[in-house]
Amino acid sequence: MKKLIALFLALIIAVGGAISASAATISELEARQAELEAKQKEYQAKLNDSNAAVSEQQEKVNALVGQVESVTEEIQVCYQKISIYDKSIAEKQAQIDAANVKIEEKMEVLRQRVKTIYISGDVSALEIVLGAKDFSDFLDKLQLVQYVSNHDEELIKGIKDQLNAIADEKKALEADKAELEEEHTTLKEKQDELNTLLEENKETLAGLQSSAADAQMQLNLSEEELSGLSAEIQEYYRQQREALAAQQAAAAAAAAAAASSDDDGDDGDYSGGDTISYSASPQVQTDGSWTWPLPGNYMITSQYGEGRSYEAHNAIDIGASTGDPIYAANSGTVVSSYSGCTHSSAGVGGCSCGGGYGNFIWILHDNGYETIYGHMISTAVSTGDHVNNGQLIGYVGSTGWSTGPHLHFELRINGVKSNPQNLY
């Protein structure tokens, strides 16, 4: 019978050894998981900042595009006005040309008249008047000469006045056109400046969009790695639960075999005075017998599921003073711990020690229950230790990603984060 008991004990030791050996690996995985979660916060913050910068830069680009469009419309209006002035100037020039033609026609009439007088013997107006038959004829001839002379003079003068007026109008139109052309040149220069500025801002926008895309890619990669780690960790705990179940079954069988040996006394090598006992990990109680980890401190400073800048808070924060004792919420095995953080923020800021948990204790209970105690100033137990319900495991601090002394109390059931307050 002693051989049978020894076999069971060997099985228990082997299973326990396998669990302890795996604990170091799972500790590394969970530390990496915590680091990734902290990194995700950093990547998300960077992405939020990049997206905000992209949005602000996009507004600048949109404003510049609007300015360019407005100036372009002004240039088009200026073109249209210049076109109208060109048409008006052309019309005035046509009028000037027509007036010049009329003057030329009148001059031709005068030339013909002078030619006729010359052919007739170069008779002057005085000779025509002196050639009158009588005084009455003299008056008639004198009035005729004056009439013809005045008529020609007035006609030519009128045409010249009209020509001068049209020329003045043309000159005014040309001056207005020159002003428009100068305005057009100014608008064109402004358009070129705005286009240059627009291209520069588009390049800046492209750079910001690239940064945002990089941050999103880093966040996606981090999420993929975190998802893979979570699957590994959950598989580890599944195997852990199976190993613990096998351990408990082996212990129960060994105890039953020992009791049977005591009853029938058929093993001469066994002395009834020697007692063999085995203390298996206690079962998780569901009748409300969980221990509050901070007796005397019941203020919840952050609720489970509370919205934060980057993700929901999947734990509760219990307000306390630095150095307050922390107790195990129930019996179990410490599967992961960290005690190397000395950066107690005390409300100043945070660090990434322990993946953001700072100094922490991670306990695996039966039936897939796990509890995590974060931001401790120091720990009182280590990885691989078995702890009892209500046992001292550490002291309140503000290490890791923390802004003041408190206890980060987290519950996981089969690897899924749950509300610890449901235990009480």
Protein backbone atom coordinates (compact mmCIF):
# COMPACT_ATOMS: atom_id res chain seq x y z
CA MET A 1 0.00 0.00 0.00
CA LYS A 2 2.92 2.37 0.70
CA LYS A 3 3.98 1.91 -2.93
CA LEU A 4 0.51 2.90 -4.08
CA ILE A 5 0.57 6.00 -1.86
CA ALA A 6 4.08 6.83 -3.04
CA LEU A 7 2.84 6.55 -6.64
CA PHE A 8 0.00 8.99 -5.94
CA LEU A 9 2.33 11.38 -4.18
CA ALA A 10 4.78 11.21 -7.07
CA LEU A 11 1.92 12.06 -9.43
CA ILE A 12 0.95 15.03 -7.22
CA ILE A 13 4.57 16.27 -7.15
CA ALA A 14 4.92 15.83 -10.92
CA VAL A 15 1.70 17.75 -11.62
CA GLY A 16 2.70 20.47 -9.15
CA GLY A 17 6.13 20.70 -10.73
CA ALA A 18 4.63 21.04 -14.18
CA ILE A 19 2.39 23.86 -12.94
CA SER A 20 5.29 25.68 -11.28
CA ALA A 21 7.45 25.33 -14.39
CA SER A 22 4.66 26.79 -16.51
CA ALA A 23 4.13 29.66 -14.08
CA ALA A 24 7.36 31.37 -15.11
CA THR A 25 6.31 31.23 -18.74
CA ILE A 26 2.80 32.49 -18.04
CA SER A 27 4.26 35.26 -15.91
CA GLU A 28 6.32 36.42 -18.86
CA LEU A 29 3.30 36.19 -21.15
CA GLU A 30 1.11 38.16 -18.78
CA ALA A 31 3.82 40.76 -18.26
CA ARG A 32 4.06 41.09 -22.03
CA GLN A 33 0.27 41.28 -22.22
CA ALA A 34 0.25 44.11 -19.68
CA GLU A 35 3.02 45.89 -21.61
CA LEU A 36 1.01 45.56 -24.80
CA GLU A 37 -2.08 46.95 -23.11
CA ALA A 38 -0.02 49.95 -21.96
CA LYS A 39 1.41 50.30 -25.47
CA GLN A 40 -2.09 50.19 -26.90
CA LYS A 41 -2.96 53.18 -24.75
CA GLU A 42 0.08 55.02 -26.07
CA TYR A 43 -0.72 54.09 -29.69
CA GLN A 44 -4.36 55.08 -29.20
CA ALA A 45 -3.29 58.42 -27.72
CA LYS A 46 -0.92 58.98 -30.64
CA LEU A 47 -3.69 58.04 -33.08
CA ASN A 48 -6.13 60.42 -31.39
CA ASP A 49 -3.56 63.24 -31.54
CA SER A 50 -2.76 62.45 -35.18
CA ASN A 51 -6.44 62.37 -36.13
CA ALA A 52 -7.00 65.70 -34.37
CA ALA A 53 -4.03 67.22 -36.23
CA VAL A 54 -5.32 65.78 -39.53
CA SER A 55 -8.75 67.28 -38.87
CA GLU A 56 -7.27 70.70 -38.06
CA GLN A 57 -4.99 70.62 -41.11
CA GLN A 58 -7.90 69.51 -43.31
CA GLU A 59 -9.81 72.61 -42.19
CA LYS A 60 -6.85 74.78 -43.21
CA VAL A 61 -6.67 73.10 -46.62
CA ASN A 62 -10.43 73.51 -47.10
CA ALA A 63 -10.15 77.22 -46.21
CA LEU A 64 -7.31 77.68 -48.71
CA VAL A 65 -9.26 75.84 -51.38
CA GLY A 66 -12.16 78.23 -50.75
CA GLN A 67 -9.83 81.23 -51.06
CA VAL A 68 -8.35 79.92 -54.31
CA GLU A 69 -11.83 79.37 -55.72
CA SER A 70 -12.89 82.90 -54.68
CA VAL A 71 -9.82 84.52 -56.26
CA THR A 72 -10.31 82.41 -59.41
CA GLU A 73 -13.88 83.70 -59.68
CA GLU A 74 -12.59 87.28 -59.23
CA ILE A 75 -10.10 86.71 -62.06
CA GLN A 76 -12.89 85.39 -64.28
CA VAL A 77 -15.03 88.47 -63.54
CA CYS A 78 -12.01 90.66 -64.28
CA TYR A 79 -11.53 88.86 -67.61
CA GLN A 80 -15.18 89.49 -68.49
CA LYS A 81 -14.93 93.18 -67.60
CA ILE A 82 -11.74 93.53 -69.69
CA SER A 83 -13.56 91.84 -72.57
CA ILE A 84 -16.40 94.37 -72.28
CA TYR A 85 -13.93 97.26 -72.25
CA ASP A 86 -12.18 95.82 -75.32
CA LYS A 87 -15.52 95.70 -77.10
CA SER A 88 -16.38 99.29 -76.09
CA ILE A 89 -12.94 100.53 -77.14
CA ALA A 90 -13.33 98.79 -80.48
CA GLU A 91 -16.74 100.47 -80.94
CA LYS A 92 -15.24 103.90 -80.15
CA GLN A 93 -12.41 103.25 -82.56
CA ALA A 94 -14.98 102.36 -85.23
CA GLN A 95 -16.77 105.66 -84.54
CA ILE A 96 -13.47 107.53 -84.78
CA ASP A 97 -12.73 105.80 -88.07
CA ALA A 98 -16.23 106.70 -89.38
CA ALA A 99 -15.78 110.35 -88.34
CA ASN A 100 -12.42 110.47 -90.06
CA VAL A 101 -14.11 109.12 -93.20
CA LYS A 102 -16.72 111.90 -93.04
CA ILE A 103 -14.06 114.54 -92.58
CA GLU A 104 -12.19 113.08 -95.50
CA GLU A 105 -15.38 113.18 -97.60
CA LYS A 106 -15.95 116.85 -96.71
CA MET A 107 -12.38 117.67 -97.45
CA GLU A 108 -12.78 115.99 -100.79
CA VAL A 109 -15.82 118.19 -101.52
CA LEU A 110 -13.78 121.27 -100.62
CA ARG A 111 -10.94 120.10 -102.77
CA GLN A 112 -13.31 119.62 -105.68
CA ARG A 113 -14.77 123.06 -105.09
CA VAL A 114 -11.36 124.68 -105.04
CA LYS A 115 -10.45 122.70 -108.15
CA THR A 116 -13.54 123.97 -109.92
CA ILE A 117 -12.75 127.53 -108.97
CA TYR A 118 -9.22 127.07 -110.13
CA ILE A 119 -10.31 125.60 -113.50
CA SER A 120 -12.73 128.45 -113.98
CA GLY A 121 -9.85 130.87 -113.82
CA ASP A 122 -8.85 130.90 -110.26
CA VAL A 123 -11.78 133.18 -109.42
CA SER A 124 -11.71 134.24 -105.80
CA ALA A 125 -14.69 134.87 -103.60
CA LEU A 126 -14.01 138.60 -103.96
CA GLU A 127 -14.12 138.37 -107.76
CA ILE A 128 -17.41 136.49 -107.56
CA VAL A 129 -18.88 139.23 -105.37
CA LEU A 130 -17.45 142.06 -107.53
CA GLY A 131 -18.91 140.41 -110.60
CA ALA A 132 -22.40 141.19 -109.41
CA LYS A 133 -24.70 142.92 -111.89
CA ASP A 134 -26.13 145.22 -109.28
CA PHE A 135 -26.15 145.81 -105.61
CA SER A 136 -28.91 143.33 -105.04
CA ASP A 137 -26.95 140.68 -106.95
CA PHE A 138 -23.88 141.72 -104.96
CA LEU A 139 -25.66 141.01 -101.69
CA ASP A 140 -26.91 137.69 -102.96
CA LYS A 141 -23.48 136.58 -104.12
CA LEU A 142 -21.84 137.80 -100.90
CA GLN A 143 -24.38 135.93 -98.76
CA LEU A 144 -23.87 132.76 -100.86
CA VAL A 145 -20.10 132.86 -100.44
CA GLN A 146 -20.43 133.38 -96.70
CA TYR A 147 -23.00 130.62 -96.37
CA VAL A 148 -20.85 128.10 -98.22
CA SER A 149 -17.79 129.09 -96.22
CA ASN A 150 -19.60 129.00 -92.86
CA HIS A 151 -21.33 125.73 -93.68
CA ASP A 152 -18.07 124.02 -94.56
CA GLU A 153 -16.35 125.43 -91.53
CA GLU A 154 -19.15 124.40 -89.13
CA LEU A 155 -19.42 120.98 -90.69
CA ILE A 156 -15.71 120.30 -90.34
CA LYS A 157 -15.67 121.76 -86.82
CA GLY A 158 -18.61 119.56 -85.77
CA ILE A 159 -16.95 116.48 -87.10
CA LYS A 160 -13.70 117.37 -85.32
CA ASP A 161 -15.57 118.01 -82.04
CA GLN A 162 -17.30 114.66 -82.37
CA LEU A 163 -13.95 113.04 -83.16
CA ASN A 164 -12.36 114.61 -80.08
CA ALA A 165 -15.25 113.51 -77.85
CA ILE A 166 -15.01 109.95 -79.10
CA ALA A 167 -11.25 110.02 -78.63
CA ASP A 168 -11.70 111.20 -75.02
CA GLU A 169 -14.18 108.40 -74.37
CA LYS A 170 -11.78 105.92 -75.88
CA LYS A 171 -8.97 107.28 -73.72
CA ALA A 172 -11.14 106.91 -70.58
CA LEU A 173 -12.03 103.34 -71.55
CA GLU A 174 -8.36 102.52 -72.10
CA ALA A 175 -7.52 103.97 -68.66
CA ASP A 176 -10.23 101.82 -67.04
CA LYS A 177 -8.97 98.81 -68.92
CA ALA A 178 -5.43 99.50 -67.72
CA GLU A 179 -6.69 99.57 -64.12
CA LEU A 180 -8.50 96.26 -64.69
CA GLU A 181 -5.39 94.72 -66.18
CA GLU A 182 -3.41 95.86 -63.15
CA GLU A 183 -6.09 94.38 -60.87
CA HIS A 184 -5.97 91.18 -62.91
CA THR A 185 -2.19 91.01 -62.46
CA THR A 186 -2.59 91.46 -58.68
CA LEU A 187 -5.27 88.78 -58.50
CA LYS A 188 -3.14 86.43 -60.55
CA GLU A 189 -0.21 86.92 -58.16
CA LYS A 190 -2.53 86.30 -55.20
CA GLN A 191 -3.83 83.15 -56.88
CA ASP A 192 -0.27 81.90 -57.40
CA GLU A 193 0.59 82.58 -53.74
CA LEU A 194 -2.53 80.79 -52.53
CA ASN A 195 -1.85 77.82 -54.80
CA THR A 196 1.71 77.57 -53.43
CA LEU A 197 0.40 77.77 -49.86
CA LEU A 198 -2.28 75.21 -50.68
CA GLU A 199 0.28 72.74 -52.03
CA GLU A 200 2.44 73.20 -48.91
CA ASN A 201 -0.55 72.56 -46.65
CA LYS A 202 -1.55 69.55 -48.72
CA GLU A 203 1.94 68.12 -48.19
CA THR A 204 1.61 68.76 -44.45
CA LEU A 205 -1.80 67.09 -44.48
CA ALA A 206 -0.39 64.09 -46.34
CA GLY A 207 2.37 63.79 -43.72
CA LEU A 208 -0.15 63.93 -40.87
CA GLN A 209 -2.35 61.36 -42.59
CA SER A 210 0.70 59.13 -42.99
CA SER A 211 1.47 59.49 -39.26
CA ALA A 212 -2.12 58.64 -38.41
CA ALA A 213 -1.95 55.60 -40.69
CA ASP A 214 1.29 54.49 -38.99
CA ALA A 215 -0.29 54.88 -35.55
CA GLN A 216 -3.32 52.89 -36.70
CA MET A 217 -1.06 50.17 -38.11
CA GLN A 218 0.91 49.99 -34.84
CA LEU A 219 -2.36 49.78 -32.90
CA ASN A 220 -3.64 47.00 -35.18
CA LEU A 221 -0.39 45.05 -34.85
CA SER A 222 -0.48 45.47 -31.08
CA GLU A 223 -4.08 44.26 -31.01
CA GLU A 224 -3.17 41.22 -33.11
CA GLU A 225 -0.27 40.32 -30.82
CA LEU A 226 -2.40 40.95 -27.74
CA SER A 227 -5.16 38.74 -29.14
CA GLY A 228 -2.64 35.95 -29.73
CA LEU A 229 -1.23 36.32 -26.22
CA SER A 230 -4.71 36.26 -24.72
CA ALA A 231 -5.40 32.98 -26.52
CA GLU A 232 -2.14 31.50 -25.20
CA ILE A 233 -2.87 32.67 -21.67
CA GLN A 234 -6.41 31.28 -21.74
CA GLU A 235 -5.08 27.96 -23.04
CA TYR A 236 -2.52 27.94 -20.23
CA TYR A 237 -5.22 28.45 -17.61
CA ARG A 238 -7.36 25.74 -19.17
CA GLN A 239 -4.44 23.34 -18.83
CA GLN A 240 -3.79 24.69 -15.33
CA ARG A 241 -7.36 23.95 -14.28
CA GLU A 242 -7.11 20.44 -15.71
CA ALA A 243 -3.81 19.91 -13.89
CA LEU A 244 -5.28 21.17 -10.62
CA ALA A 245 -8.27 18.89 -11.08
CA ALA A 246 -5.93 15.95 -11.67
CA GLN A 247 -3.89 16.96 -8.62
CA GLN A 248 -6.99 17.11 -6.42
CA ALA A 249 -8.26 13.80 -7.78
CA ALA A 250 -4.89 12.15 -7.10
CA ALA A 251 -4.84 13.60 -3.58
CA ALA A 252 -8.35 12.35 -2.90
CA ALA A 253 -7.47 8.89 -4.22
CA ALA A 254 -4.31 8.79 -2.10
CA ALA A 255 -6.26 9.83 0.99
CA ALA A 256 -8.91 7.19 0.28
CA ALA A 257 -6.25 4.52 -0.22
CA ALA A 258 -4.56 5.51 3.04
CA ALA A 259 -7.84 5.36 4.92
CA SER A 260 -8.60 1.92 3.46
CA SER A 261 -5.15 0.69 4.51
CA ASP A 262 -5.75 1.89 8.07
CA ASP A 263 -9.07 0.05 8.22
CA ASP A 264 -7.96 -3.40 7.02
CA GLY A 265 -4.41 -3.34 8.45
CA ASP A 266 -3.15 -5.49 5.57
CA ASP A 267 0.05 -3.49 5.03
CA GLY A 268 2.71 -4.64 7.47
CA ASP A 269 5.06 -1.86 6.42
CA TYR A 270 2.64 0.90 7.50
CA SER A 271 2.61 2.07 11.08
CA GLY A 272 -0.84 3.16 12.21
CA GLY A 273 0.78 5.80 14.42
CA ASP A 274 2.05 7.79 11.39
CA THR A 275 -0.56 10.05 9.76
CA ILE A 276 -0.32 11.14 6.10
CA SER A 277 -2.31 14.27 5.25
CA TYR A 278 -2.65 16.41 2.10
CA SER A 279 -4.11 19.89 1.91
CA ALA A 280 -5.57 20.43 -1.52
CA SER A 281 -6.35 23.92 -2.87
CA PRO A 282 -9.72 24.94 -1.40
CA GLN A 283 -12.68 25.24 -3.73
CA VAL A 284 -13.91 28.71 -4.64
CA GLN A 285 -16.88 29.57 -2.49
CA THR A 286 -19.98 30.96 -4.12
CA ASP A 287 -21.91 31.64 -0.95
CA GLY A 288 -20.45 35.09 -0.34
CA SER A 289 -17.39 33.95 1.62
CA TRP A 290 -14.89 35.95 -0.43
CA THR A 291 -12.67 38.26 1.61
CA TRP A 292 -12.65 41.98 0.88
CA PRO A 293 -9.00 42.72 -0.06
CA LEU A 294 -8.86 46.02 1.85
CA PRO A 295 -10.80 45.70 5.12
CA GLY A 296 -11.77 49.15 6.36
CA ASN A 297 -11.44 50.72 2.91
CA TYR A 298 -14.64 50.54 0.88
CA MET A 299 -14.57 53.66 -1.28
CA ILE A 300 -14.63 52.71 -4.99
CA THR A 301 -12.78 55.49 -6.79
CA SER A 302 -13.20 53.89 -10.24
CA GLN A 303 -16.11 51.63 -11.06
CA TYR A 304 -15.97 48.52 -13.24
CA GLY A 305 -16.68 49.39 -16.88
CA GLU A 306 -16.07 53.09 -16.27
CA GLY A 307 -15.35 54.92 -19.52
CA ARG A 308 -11.83 56.30 -19.89
CA SER A 309 -9.93 58.09 -22.62
CA TYR A 310 -8.95 54.95 -24.51
CA GLU A 311 -10.94 51.96 -23.14
CA ALA A 312 -13.33 50.84 -20.42
CA HIS A 313 -11.90 50.24 -16.93
CA ASN A 314 -12.37 46.47 -16.52
CA ALA A 315 -11.62 46.40 -12.80
CA ILE A 316 -12.40 48.45 -9.69
CA ASP A 317 -10.09 50.90 -7.91
CA ILE A 318 -10.37 50.97 -4.12
CA GLY A 319 -9.17 54.14 -2.44
CA ALA A 320 -6.64 53.64 0.37
CA SER A 321 -3.47 55.06 1.91
CA THR A 322 0.07 54.05 1.01
CA GLY A 323 1.13 51.08 3.12
CA ASP A 324 -2.38 49.77 3.90
CA PRO A 325 -2.31 45.93 3.98
CA ILE A 326 -3.85 43.95 1.10
CA TYR A 327 -5.30 40.45 1.64
CA ALA A 328 -6.04 37.57 -0.74
CA ALA A 329 -9.70 37.59 -1.69
CA ASN A 330 -9.68 33.77 -1.58
CA SER A 331 -7.31 30.82 -1.47
CA GLY A 332 -5.26 30.00 -4.54
CA THR A 333 -1.85 29.90 -6.22
CA VAL A 334 0.22 32.96 -7.12
CA VAL A 335 0.78 32.37 -10.84
CA SER A 336 2.42 35.72 -11.57
CA SER A 337 3.95 38.54 -9.56
CA TYR A 338 6.16 41.57 -9.99
CA SER A 339 7.96 43.56 -7.32
CA GLY A 340 10.65 45.51 -9.15
CA CYS A 341 8.92 48.88 -9.55
CA THR A 342 10.29 51.75 -7.45
CA HIS A 343 8.54 54.55 -9.36
CA SER A 344 5.74 55.35 -6.94
CA SER A 345 3.96 58.19 -8.76
CA ALA A 346 2.02 59.52 -5.74
CA GLY A 347 -0.23 61.49 -8.06
CA VAL A 348 2.55 62.86 -10.29
CA GLY A 349 2.29 60.48 -13.22
CA GLY A 350 2.71 56.84 -14.22
CA CYS A 351 5.20 54.32 -15.57
CA SER A 352 5.02 51.09 -17.56
CA CYS A 353 6.49 48.84 -14.83
CA GLY A 354 4.71 45.51 -14.67
CA GLY A 355 2.98 46.41 -17.92
CA GLY A 356 1.28 49.33 -16.15
CA TYR A 357 0.19 47.28 -13.10
CA GLY A 358 3.37 48.29 -11.24
CA ASN A 359 4.07 45.83 -8.42
CA PHE A 360 1.30 43.23 -8.57
CA ILE A 361 0.12 39.79 -7.43
CA TRP A 362 -1.88 37.48 -9.70
CA ILE A 363 -3.71 34.61 -7.99
CA LEU A 364 -5.35 31.62 -9.68
CA HIS A 365 -8.27 30.24 -7.67
CA ASP A 366 -10.29 27.12 -8.43
CA ASN A 367 -13.01 26.90 -11.09
CA GLY A 368 -11.22 29.35 -13.41
CA TYR A 369 -11.38 32.36 -11.06
CA GLU A 370 -8.38 34.72 -11.03
CA THR A 371 -7.78 37.93 -9.05
CA ILE A 372 -5.15 40.60 -9.74
CA TYR A 373 -3.95 43.18 -7.21
CA GLY A 374 -2.07 46.09 -8.79
CA HIS A 375 -0.07 49.24 -7.97
CA MET A 376 1.35 47.82 -4.69
CA ILE A 377 4.23 49.61 -3.00
CA SER A 378 5.59 46.15 -2.10
CA THR A 379 4.52 42.49 -2.26
CA ALA A 380 4.48 39.89 0.54
CA VAL A 381 4.23 36.68 -1.56
CA SER A 382 5.91 35.42 -4.73
CA THR A 383 5.12 33.45 -7.88
CA GLY A 384 4.38 29.81 -7.06
CA ASP A 385 3.26 30.49 -3.47
CA HIS A 386 -0.02 29.05 -2.23
CA VAL A 387 -2.05 31.65 -0.33
CA ASN A 388 -5.05 31.21 1.95
CA ASN A 389 -8.26 33.20 1.98
CA GLY A 390 -7.52 36.47 3.81
CA GLN A 391 -3.71 36.04 3.82
CA LEU A 392 -1.55 39.18 3.64
CA ILE A 393 -0.14 39.48 0.11
CA GLY A 394 1.15 43.08 -0.11
CA TYR A 395 0.71 46.78 0.64
CA VAL A 396 -1.10 49.65 -1.10
CA GLY A 397 1.02 51.94 -3.28
CA SER A 398 0.93 53.95 -6.50
CA THR A 399 3.38 52.14 -8.78
CA GLY A 400 2.91 51.60 -12.51
CA TRP A 401 0.21 53.42 -14.45
CA SER A 402 -1.25 55.17 -11.43
CA THR A 403 -1.96 58.72 -10.31
CA GLY A 404 -2.32 58.11 -6.57
CA PRO A 405 -2.33 55.38 -3.91
CA HIS A 406 -5.12 52.82 -4.40
CA LEU A 407 -5.69 49.12 -5.12
CA HIS A 408 -6.45 48.00 -8.65
CA PHE A 409 -8.63 44.93 -7.97
CA GLU A 410 -9.36 42.82 -11.05
CA LEU A 411 -11.38 39.61 -11.47
CA ARG A 412 -11.19 37.18 -14.40
CA ILE A 413 -13.41 34.16 -14.84
CA ASN A 414 -12.05 31.68 -17.38
CA GLY A 415 -9.87 34.48 -18.72
CA VAL A 416 -12.75 36.96 -19.12
CA LYS A 417 -12.61 40.19 -17.10
CA SER A 418 -15.62 40.49 -14.79
CA ASN A 419 -16.88 42.82 -12.06
CA PRO A 420 -15.25 41.93 -8.71
CA GLN A 421 -18.17 43.46 -6.80
CA ASN A 422 -20.33 40.53 -7.93
CA LEU A 423 -18.34 38.35 -5.51
CA TYR A 424 -19.66 40.18 -2.45
